[in-house]
Amino acid sequence: MTHSGRYNLDDTIAAIATPIGSGGIGIVRLSGARALSILQRIFSIHADLAPRTLTYGHILDPDSDQIVDEVLAVYMPAPHTYTRQDIVEINCHGGPVPLSQVLDLCLGQEARLAEPGEFTLRAFLNGRIDLAQAEAVADIVEARTQAGLRVAVAQLDGELSRRIRRARSLMMDALAWVQASIDFDQDEIPPCPFEDELVAAGQLLQDLIASADRGIIYRLGIHAAIVGRPNVGKSSLLNALLRVERAIVTPIPGTTRDTLEEALNLDGIPLVLVDTAGIRNDTRNLAEDLGVARSRAALAQADLALLVIEGSAPLTTLDLEIAALIGDKPAILVINKTDLPVAAEANGLLPSAPRVDISALTGAGIADLEQAIKRIVLAGQVVSADAVLVSNPRHRDVLRRAQAHLNSALVAHRGGVPDDLVSIDLTAAVRALGEITGETVSDTLLETIFGRFCVGK
């Protein structure tokens, strides 16, 4: 395959492969048939470069012979490279000026600037990795916790793809027999109890779908909105969970005028805490109006609500109104200020939500609150080192679609529906799974997937 939509695999591409900014080292990467010749035109070492060996030298402007940077360069011949094409990597000093100048010299020597994700796209199109593994590359780069990294590494290793291919193979075996039964008389082909294959494939899909909620949480994390009326200790709770004084805390009600987001690694779960302005009905100015509106929006968008009430004061009508705003969203009732005499009676407030008593001032109960969050988010399950989890919402949706087609095929077969109709759903299920591993994928989908990659990856 030489073309995929607007991508031409015959071009030699170049890009800066390291993050923007200053650093000790920055890398300019090239991939394509002219990668070595381009390096030789701008490198001070003109002798044959030993493959896979770092060579010391200087990058020179071929028009003036002026030294641009002191570098280490390496040439890696196809096919044993990331893209299965010739690759050159030039290790420059990591400032934006030398990197951009070296890249410009490469682009002036018949290379073109790589599109986002084009190196990994070439690895996929050239058969080095499948589509699920390609997506795992981006997940590894973007991993925010060790648990999320383990999930992505397992996907890059191909374990998810192997399980999907196993299910797809079982369905293809059944489909082959169904199609043969359409083309030939029943007495011309051996009997095949393909229902067993479909049931086994369905179990594989069900197991993967069941893992998706946890996998997506480890990859994308969750948003938890800390809500309550003014001066109940929401900002103090944020600081206690972060173990750092991030939010301003004063005894004056209404100190927080806007939402404040901070990320927390909660035993592998990327948790985004959203401290909100106290929700009230008697706002005194436009700033408070806007703060309360943003608090309500943050609550509506959150995956989890932490409703904070003051344990040292009686419940108010406002506490009840805020609880009503939460509705059926997953929530935890947090009774704060337990270091003071207890005055609140919270019976009937969020009756289905777990209750945790804390003192944000002393830190008492914070560990219990963290455990309660984990129990709600993961339903008591944690990721193990060898877990194979579906962590991509696209994969989850495709698996559900494949499962629906597979179930329809099974129901039709058991109901005596003609095989040509059964084959329609089986074919759709097989094609759906191919959208994950890449056997059946459109150029539009490829551009959508690789368009979220950074340039140089």
Protein backbone atom coordinates (compact mmCIF):
# COMPACT_ATOMS: atom_id res chain seq x y z
CA MET A 1 0.00 0.00 0.00
CA THR A 2 1.51 3.33 -1.00
CA HIS A 3 -1.34 5.72 -0.31
CA SER A 4 -3.89 6.23 2.43
CA GLY A 5 -6.06 9.25 1.70
CA ARG A 6 -3.80 12.30 1.66
CA TYR A 7 -0.78 10.35 3.01
CA ASN A 8 1.88 9.33 0.46
CA LEU A 9 4.15 6.60 1.82
CA ASP A 10 6.69 7.21 -0.93
CA ASP A 11 7.59 10.62 0.53
CA THR A 12 10.39 11.05 3.01
CA ILE A 13 8.99 12.81 6.06
CA ALA A 14 10.71 14.77 8.82
CA ALA A 15 9.65 16.24 12.14
CA ILE A 16 10.91 17.21 15.58
CA ALA A 17 10.19 14.15 17.72
CA THR A 18 10.76 15.70 21.14
CA PRO A 19 8.54 18.16 23.06
CA ILE A 20 8.62 21.86 22.31
CA GLY A 21 10.87 23.85 24.62
CA SER A 22 14.43 23.84 25.87
CA GLY A 23 16.19 20.67 26.99
CA GLY A 24 19.47 18.83 26.95
CA ILE A 25 18.66 16.89 23.78
CA GLY A 26 16.16 17.28 20.96
CA ILE A 27 15.62 14.83 18.12
CA VAL A 28 14.81 15.43 14.47
CA ARG A 29 13.45 12.24 12.89
CA LEU A 30 13.21 11.28 9.22
CA SER A 31 11.51 8.27 7.64
CA GLY A 32 11.55 7.23 4.00
CA ALA A 33 13.75 6.11 1.14
CA ARG A 34 15.72 9.38 1.02
CA ALA A 35 16.36 9.67 4.76
CA LEU A 36 20.01 8.55 4.53
CA SER A 37 20.85 10.66 1.49
CA ILE A 38 19.36 13.73 3.14
CA LEU A 39 21.49 13.16 6.24
CA GLN A 40 24.61 12.74 4.13
CA ARG A 41 24.03 16.10 2.42
CA ILE A 42 23.91 18.04 5.70
CA PHE A 43 26.23 15.93 7.94
CA SER A 44 29.93 16.56 8.30
CA ILE A 45 30.65 12.82 8.17
CA HIS A 46 30.43 11.79 4.52
CA ALA A 47 31.75 8.23 4.82
CA ASP A 48 29.31 5.34 4.94
CA LEU A 49 27.48 5.46 8.25
CA ALA A 50 27.43 2.23 10.23
CA PRO A 51 23.78 1.22 10.73
CA ARG A 52 22.35 1.59 14.22
CA THR A 53 25.48 3.32 15.48
CA LEU A 54 25.53 6.83 16.86
CA THR A 55 28.02 8.92 14.91
CA TYR A 56 29.45 12.20 16.17
CA GLY A 57 29.64 15.14 13.81
CA HIS A 58 28.16 18.50 12.84
CA ILE A 59 25.10 19.53 10.86
CA LEU A 60 26.18 21.94 8.12
CA ASP A 61 24.22 24.29 5.91
CA PRO A 62 25.03 22.83 2.46
CA ASP A 63 24.83 26.27 0.84
CA SER A 64 27.38 27.97 3.12
CA ASP A 65 29.11 25.10 4.98
CA GLN A 66 28.27 26.96 8.18
CA ILE A 67 27.97 24.76 11.27
CA VAL A 68 24.42 24.67 12.58
CA ASP A 69 24.83 22.31 15.53
CA GLU A 70 27.04 19.63 17.06
CA VAL A 71 25.08 16.37 16.94
CA LEU A 72 24.95 12.60 17.22
CA ALA A 73 23.24 10.98 14.22
CA VAL A 74 22.06 7.43 13.64
CA TYR A 75 20.85 5.67 10.51
CA MET A 76 18.52 2.66 10.85
CA PRO A 77 17.87 0.73 7.62
CA ALA A 78 14.53 -0.85 6.73
CA PRO A 79 12.76 -3.09 7.52
CA HIS A 80 13.80 -3.39 11.17
CA THR A 81 12.65 0.08 12.20
CA TYR A 82 9.60 1.69 13.76
CA THR A 83 8.05 2.48 10.37
CA ARG A 84 9.67 -0.41 8.43
CA GLN A 85 11.30 2.29 6.31
CA ASP A 86 14.77 3.79 6.49
CA ILE A 87 14.91 6.06 9.54
CA VAL A 88 17.40 8.74 10.54
CA GLU A 89 17.45 10.41 13.93
CA ILE A 90 19.57 13.49 14.58
CA ASN A 91 20.24 14.18 18.25
CA CYS A 92 20.71 17.94 18.54
CA HIS A 93 21.01 20.29 21.46
CA GLY A 94 17.48 20.66 22.76
CA GLY A 95 16.77 24.31 22.10
CA PRO A 96 14.05 25.42 19.71
CA VAL A 97 16.48 27.33 17.44
CA PRO A 98 18.93 24.50 16.60
CA LEU A 99 16.07 22.01 16.24
CA SER A 100 14.09 24.22 13.89
CA GLN A 101 17.21 25.01 11.81
CA VAL A 102 18.11 21.33 11.44
CA LEU A 103 14.51 20.51 10.51
CA ASP A 104 14.46 23.31 7.94
CA LEU A 105 17.64 21.91 6.34
CA CYS A 106 15.98 18.48 6.08
CA LEU A 107 12.85 20.01 4.52
CA GLY A 108 15.09 21.80 2.02
CA GLN A 109 16.56 18.48 0.93
CA GLU A 110 13.44 16.75 -0.49
CA ALA A 111 11.80 15.85 2.82
CA ARG A 112 8.35 17.12 3.74
CA LEU A 113 6.99 17.94 7.17
CA ALA A 114 5.25 14.94 8.72
CA GLU A 115 1.57 15.14 9.54
CA PRO A 116 0.49 14.45 13.17
CA GLY A 117 0.96 10.76 13.91
CA GLU A 118 2.34 9.98 10.46
CA PHE A 119 5.32 7.97 11.72
CA THR A 120 2.99 5.67 13.66
CA LEU A 121 0.57 5.59 10.74
CA ARG A 122 3.38 4.27 8.55
CA ALA A 123 4.16 1.64 11.16
CA PHE A 124 0.53 0.53 10.91
CA LEU A 125 0.22 0.70 7.12
CA ASN A 126 3.49 -1.19 6.71
CA GLY A 127 2.29 -3.99 8.98
CA ARG A 128 4.61 -3.50 11.92
CA ILE A 129 1.75 -2.90 14.36
CA ASP A 130 -2.02 -3.15 14.11
CA LEU A 131 -4.43 -0.28 14.68
CA ALA A 132 -5.08 -1.05 18.36
CA GLN A 133 -1.34 -1.09 19.02
CA ALA A 134 -0.94 2.19 17.14
CA GLU A 135 -3.55 3.82 19.37
CA ALA A 136 -1.73 2.43 22.41
CA VAL A 137 1.33 4.47 21.41
CA ALA A 138 -0.62 7.69 22.00
CA ASP A 139 -2.04 6.28 25.23
CA ILE A 140 1.47 5.56 26.54
CA VAL A 141 2.58 9.11 25.75
CA GLU A 142 -0.50 10.54 27.47
CA ALA A 143 -0.59 8.14 30.47
CA ARG A 144 -1.08 10.06 33.71
CA THR A 145 -0.64 7.20 36.22
CA GLN A 146 1.34 3.97 36.45
CA ALA A 147 -1.88 1.96 36.24
CA GLY A 148 -2.88 3.78 33.05
CA LEU A 149 0.60 3.15 31.65
CA ARG A 150 0.36 -0.59 32.38
CA VAL A 151 -2.96 -0.80 30.54
CA ALA A 152 -1.51 1.00 27.50
CA VAL A 153 1.68 -1.10 27.48
CA ALA A 154 -0.38 -4.31 27.54
CA GLN A 155 -2.32 -3.04 24.54
CA LEU A 156 0.89 -2.12 22.70
CA ASP A 157 2.21 -5.61 23.42
CA GLY A 158 -0.74 -6.93 21.41
CA GLU A 159 -2.66 -8.85 24.06
CA LEU A 160 -5.91 -6.99 23.38
CA SER A 161 -5.48 -7.55 19.64
CA ARG A 162 -4.84 -11.26 20.18
CA ARG A 163 -8.10 -11.67 22.08
CA ILE A 164 -10.05 -9.72 19.49
CA ARG A 165 -8.49 -11.75 16.68
CA ARG A 166 -9.42 -14.95 18.51
CA ALA A 167 -13.07 -13.87 18.65
CA ARG A 168 -12.95 -12.72 15.03
CA SER A 169 -11.40 -16.03 13.93
CA LEU A 170 -14.18 -18.01 15.63
CA MET A 171 -16.81 -15.90 13.86
CA MET A 172 -15.03 -16.20 10.51
CA ASP A 173 -14.95 -20.00 10.85
CA ALA A 174 -18.69 -19.98 11.46
CA LEU A 175 -19.24 -17.53 8.61
CA ALA A 176 -17.26 -19.73 6.23
CA TRP A 177 -19.52 -22.69 6.98
CA VAL A 178 -22.68 -20.56 6.69
CA GLN A 179 -21.60 -19.23 3.31
CA ALA A 180 -20.69 -22.73 2.15
CA SER A 181 -24.13 -23.96 3.18
CA ILE A 182 -25.61 -21.23 0.97
CA ASP A 183 -23.52 -22.17 -2.05
CA PHE A 184 -23.73 -25.96 -1.76
CA ASP A 185 -26.32 -28.58 -0.87
CA GLN A 186 -26.32 -29.65 2.74
CA ASP A 187 -25.21 -33.19 1.82
CA GLU A 188 -22.13 -31.82 -0.01
CA ILE A 189 -20.51 -30.26 3.07
CA PRO A 190 -19.78 -31.81 6.46
CA PRO A 191 -22.00 -30.74 9.35
CA CYS A 192 -20.56 -27.96 11.51
CA PRO A 193 -22.00 -27.10 14.92
CA PHE A 194 -20.91 -23.47 14.54
CA GLU A 195 -23.15 -22.30 17.36
CA ASP A 196 -20.39 -23.32 19.80
CA GLU A 197 -17.94 -21.02 18.00
CA LEU A 198 -20.36 -18.12 18.17
CA VAL A 199 -21.02 -18.66 21.88
CA ALA A 200 -17.27 -18.76 22.58
CA ALA A 201 -16.73 -15.60 20.55
CA GLY A 202 -19.57 -13.90 22.38
CA GLN A 203 -17.98 -14.73 25.75
CA LEU A 204 -14.69 -13.22 24.63
CA LEU A 205 -16.47 -10.03 23.59
CA GLN A 206 -18.47 -9.91 26.82
CA ASP A 207 -15.32 -10.22 28.93
CA LEU A 208 -13.67 -7.37 27.03
CA ILE A 209 -16.75 -5.14 27.25
CA ALA A 210 -16.99 -5.82 30.99
CA SER A 211 -13.45 -4.48 31.40
CA ALA A 212 -14.11 -1.27 29.47
CA ASP A 213 -15.45 0.92 32.28
CA ARG A 214 -12.37 0.29 34.42
CA GLY A 215 -10.01 0.62 31.48
CA ILE A 216 -11.46 3.93 30.36
CA ILE A 217 -11.26 5.26 33.92
CA TYR A 218 -7.56 4.37 34.16
CA ARG A 219 -6.93 6.06 30.80
CA LEU A 220 -9.14 9.15 30.98
CA GLY A 221 -9.80 9.50 34.70
CA ILE A 222 -12.92 10.96 36.30
CA HIS A 223 -14.09 14.41 37.37
CA ALA A 224 -15.29 14.79 40.96
CA ALA A 225 -17.12 18.01 41.82
CA ILE A 226 -16.89 19.20 45.44
CA VAL A 227 -20.21 20.94 46.09
CA GLY A 228 -22.08 22.44 49.00
CA ARG A 229 -23.30 25.70 50.43
CA PRO A 230 -20.79 28.45 51.28
CA ASN A 231 -18.29 27.98 54.12
CA VAL A 232 -18.80 24.24 54.69
CA GLY A 233 -15.13 23.49 53.94
CA LYS A 234 -15.05 22.60 50.24
CA SER A 235 -11.73 24.33 49.56
CA SER A 236 -10.28 22.89 52.77
CA LEU A 237 -11.30 19.43 51.52
CA LEU A 238 -9.57 20.06 48.21
CA ASN A 239 -6.38 21.04 50.04
CA ALA A 240 -6.62 18.00 52.31
CA LEU A 241 -6.97 15.60 49.38
CA LEU A 242 -4.10 17.25 47.49
CA ARG A 243 -1.90 17.41 50.63
CA VAL A 244 -1.03 20.97 49.63
CA GLU A 245 -2.54 24.41 50.23
CA ARG A 246 -3.89 24.96 46.73
CA ALA A 247 -7.17 26.79 47.39
CA ILE A 248 -7.52 29.96 49.43
CA VAL A 249 -9.36 29.28 52.68
CA THR A 250 -10.86 31.99 54.91
CA PRO A 251 -13.73 32.09 57.42
CA ILE A 252 -15.53 34.51 55.12
CA PRO A 253 -18.36 32.80 53.17
CA GLY A 254 -18.04 33.03 49.40
CA THR A 255 -14.22 33.13 49.21
CA THR A 256 -14.29 30.83 46.18
CA ARG A 257 -15.79 32.72 43.23
CA ASP A 258 -14.86 30.34 40.40
CA THR A 259 -14.27 26.64 39.84
CA LEU A 260 -10.74 25.38 40.52
CA GLU A 261 -9.53 22.11 38.97
CA GLU A 262 -6.60 20.05 40.26
CA ALA A 263 -5.43 16.55 39.24
CA LEU A 264 -4.75 13.83 41.76
CA ASN A 265 -3.32 10.34 41.31
CA LEU A 266 -5.55 8.21 43.51
CA ASP A 267 -3.84 4.80 43.49
CA GLY A 268 -3.66 4.78 39.71
CA ILE A 269 -6.93 6.61 39.04
CA PRO A 270 -6.47 10.01 37.39
CA LEU A 271 -8.88 12.01 39.54
CA VAL A 272 -9.68 15.62 38.64
CA LEU A 273 -11.06 17.45 41.67
CA VAL A 274 -13.25 20.47 40.94
CA ASP A 275 -13.60 22.91 43.82
CA THR A 276 -16.74 24.97 43.27
CA ALA A 277 -18.14 28.20 44.60
CA GLY A 278 -20.71 27.72 47.33
CA ILE A 279 -24.15 27.28 45.80
CA ARG A 280 -26.55 29.86 47.20
CA ASN A 281 -29.72 31.67 46.22
CA ASP A 282 -28.93 35.10 47.71
CA THR A 283 -25.93 36.11 45.62
CA ARG A 284 -24.90 39.72 46.08
CA ASN A 285 -23.17 40.63 42.84
CA LEU A 286 -22.45 39.50 39.29
CA ALA A 287 -19.23 37.71 40.26
CA GLU A 288 -21.10 35.51 42.72
CA ASP A 289 -23.85 34.91 40.17
CA LEU A 290 -21.31 33.66 37.65
CA GLY A 291 -19.54 31.55 40.28
CA VAL A 292 -22.74 29.79 41.28
CA ALA A 293 -23.67 29.21 37.63
CA ARG A 294 -20.29 27.61 37.01
CA SER A 295 -20.70 25.47 40.12
CA ARG A 296 -23.99 24.13 38.82
CA ALA A 297 -22.41 23.45 35.40
CA ALA A 298 -19.45 21.65 37.01
CA LEU A 299 -21.83 19.47 39.01
CA ALA A 300 -23.84 18.61 35.90
CA GLN A 301 -20.71 17.59 33.99
CA ALA A 302 -18.99 15.69 36.81
CA ASP A 303 -18.76 11.90 37.02
CA LEU A 304 -18.93 11.98 40.83
CA ALA A 305 -20.28 14.48 43.35
CA LEU A 306 -18.79 15.05 46.79
CA LEU A 307 -21.56 16.81 48.73
CA VAL A 308 -19.99 18.56 51.72
CA ILE A 309 -22.14 19.55 54.69
CA GLU A 310 -21.07 21.07 57.97
CA GLY A 311 -21.34 18.54 60.77
CA SER A 312 -21.21 21.25 63.43
CA ALA A 313 -24.30 23.07 62.19
CA PRO A 314 -27.91 21.99 61.56
CA LEU A 315 -28.96 21.07 58.04
CA THR A 316 -30.40 23.91 56.01
CA THR A 317 -32.90 24.10 53.21
CA LEU A 318 -29.98 24.93 50.92
CA ASP A 319 -28.28 21.63 51.79
CA LEU A 320 -31.43 19.81 50.69
CA GLU A 321 -31.69 21.84 47.48
CA ILE A 322 -28.08 21.07 46.53
CA ALA A 323 -28.63 17.37 47.24
CA ALA A 324 -31.63 17.50 44.90
CA LEU A 325 -29.40 18.96 42.16
CA ILE A 326 -27.18 15.86 42.34
CA GLY A 327 -30.10 13.63 41.39
CA ASP A 328 -29.04 10.07 40.61
CA LYS A 329 -25.39 10.95 39.89
CA PRO A 330 -22.87 8.82 41.84
CA ALA A 331 -22.18 10.74 45.05
CA ILE A 332 -20.57 10.64 48.47
CA LEU A 333 -21.97 12.54 51.44
CA VAL A 334 -19.03 14.19 53.23
CA ILE A 335 -19.71 15.36 56.80
CA ASN A 336 -17.00 17.93 57.52
CA LYS A 337 -15.83 19.68 60.70
CA THR A 338 -16.18 16.59 62.86
CA ASP A 339 -13.49 18.09 65.11
CA LEU A 340 -16.25 20.39 66.38
CA PRO A 341 -19.35 19.38 68.38
CA VAL A 342 -21.78 17.52 66.13
CA ALA A 343 -25.02 19.37 65.37
CA ALA A 344 -26.09 18.10 61.91
CA GLU A 345 -28.44 15.16 61.47
CA ALA A 346 -27.97 13.95 57.90
CA ASN A 347 -30.52 11.16 57.89
CA GLY A 348 -32.44 11.17 54.61
CA LEU A 349 -29.87 13.27 52.76
CA LEU A 350 -28.64 11.28 49.72
CA PRO A 351 -29.86 8.02 51.29
CA SER A 352 -28.23 5.79 48.67
CA ALA A 353 -24.82 7.50 48.89
CA PRO A 354 -22.07 6.37 51.25
CA ARG A 355 -21.36 8.72 54.17
CA VAL A 356 -17.85 9.65 55.31
CA ASP A 357 -17.12 11.77 58.38
CA ILE A 358 -14.02 13.93 58.05
CA SER A 359 -12.20 16.92 59.42
CA ALA A 360 -10.53 18.74 56.55
CA LEU A 361 -8.70 20.81 59.19
CA THR A 362 -7.04 17.87 61.00
CA GLY A 363 -7.06 15.34 58.13
CA ALA A 364 -9.20 12.86 60.04
CA GLY A 365 -11.25 10.65 57.72
CA ILE A 366 -9.48 11.73 54.49
CA ALA A 367 -8.10 8.22 53.92
CA ASP A 368 -11.62 6.81 54.42
CA LEU A 369 -12.94 9.26 51.84
CA GLU A 370 -10.28 8.18 49.33
CA GLN A 371 -11.26 4.54 49.83
CA ALA A 372 -14.93 5.43 49.33
CA ILE A 373 -14.10 7.19 46.06
CA LYS A 374 -12.20 4.13 44.82
CA ARG A 375 -15.02 1.80 45.79
CA ILE A 376 -17.53 3.86 43.79
CA VAL A 377 -15.28 4.39 40.79
CA LEU A 378 -13.97 0.84 40.44
CA ALA A 379 -16.72 -1.09 42.20
CA GLY A 380 -14.05 -2.64 44.42
CA GLN A 381 -11.83 -3.77 41.53
CA VAL A 382 -8.26 -2.68 40.88
CA VAL A 383 -6.02 -3.20 37.87
CA SER A 384 -3.43 -5.96 38.13
CA ALA A 385 -0.07 -6.00 36.41
CA ASP A 386 -1.27 -8.51 33.80
CA ALA A 387 -4.71 -7.02 33.23
CA VAL A 388 -6.04 -6.72 29.68
CA LEU A 389 -8.51 -3.86 29.74
CA VAL A 390 -10.36 -2.05 26.98
CA SER A 391 -9.35 1.55 27.64
CA ASN A 392 -10.54 3.27 24.48
CA PRO A 393 -14.19 4.39 24.17
CA ARG A 394 -14.00 3.75 20.42
CA HIS A 395 -13.03 0.13 21.04
CA ARG A 396 -15.82 -0.29 23.59
CA ASP A 397 -18.43 1.03 21.18
CA VAL A 398 -17.17 -1.21 18.35
CA LEU A 399 -17.20 -4.25 20.64
CA ARG A 400 -20.79 -3.51 21.66
CA ARG A 401 -21.78 -3.22 18.01
CA ALA A 402 -20.05 -6.51 17.17
CA GLN A 403 -21.74 -8.19 20.13
CA ALA A 404 -25.17 -6.96 19.02
CA HIS A 405 -24.66 -8.37 15.51
CA LEU A 406 -23.35 -11.64 16.94
CA ASN A 407 -26.34 -12.00 19.25
CA SER A 408 -28.70 -11.30 16.34
CA ALA A 409 -26.97 -14.01 14.31
CA LEU A 410 -27.32 -16.50 17.15
CA VAL A 411 -31.00 -15.70 17.69
CA ALA A 412 -31.67 -15.99 13.96
CA HIS A 413 -29.83 -19.30 13.69
CA ARG A 414 -31.64 -20.80 16.68
CA GLY A 415 -34.94 -19.60 15.25
CA GLY A 416 -34.39 -21.42 11.97
CA VAL A 417 -33.81 -18.27 9.90
CA PRO A 418 -32.22 -19.06 6.51
CA ASP A 419 -28.41 -19.03 6.51
CA ASP A 420 -28.16 -16.20 3.99
CA LEU A 421 -29.83 -13.89 6.52
CA VAL A 422 -27.70 -15.20 9.38
CA SER A 423 -24.60 -14.39 7.33
CA ILE A 424 -25.55 -10.70 7.16
CA ASP A 425 -25.18 -10.20 10.90
CA LEU A 426 -22.11 -12.43 11.09
CA THR A 427 -20.41 -10.42 8.34
CA ALA A 428 -21.23 -7.18 10.14
CA ALA A 429 -19.77 -8.53 13.40
CA VAL A 430 -16.55 -9.62 11.70
CA ARG A 431 -16.17 -6.27 9.96
CA ALA A 432 -16.77 -4.40 13.20
CA LEU A 433 -13.93 -6.18 15.00
CA GLY A 434 -11.69 -5.39 12.03
CA GLU A 435 -12.21 -1.70 12.83
CA ILE A 436 -10.25 -2.22 16.06
CA THR A 437 -7.30 -4.16 14.68
CA GLY A 438 -7.33 -2.43 11.31
CA GLU A 439 -8.38 -5.11 8.82
CA THR A 440 -11.49 -3.13 7.88
CA VAL A 441 -10.84 0.56 8.37
CA SER A 442 -11.54 3.64 6.28
CA ASP A 443 -9.16 6.47 5.45
CA THR A 444 -11.48 8.85 7.29
CA LEU A 445 -11.19 6.83 10.50
CA LEU A 446 -7.41 6.65 10.14
CA GLU A 447 -7.17 10.42 9.77
CA THR A 448 -9.39 10.88 12.83
CA ILE A 449 -7.30 8.51 14.95
CA PHE A 450 -3.85 9.69 13.92
CA GLY A 451 -4.88 13.35 13.83
CA ARG A 452 -4.84 13.39 17.65
CA PHE A 453 -1.20 12.31 17.76
CA CYS A 454 1.54 14.88 18.19
CA VAL A 455 3.76 15.73 15.21
CA GLY A 456 6.87 13.54 15.29
CA LYS A 457 5.18 10.47 16.77
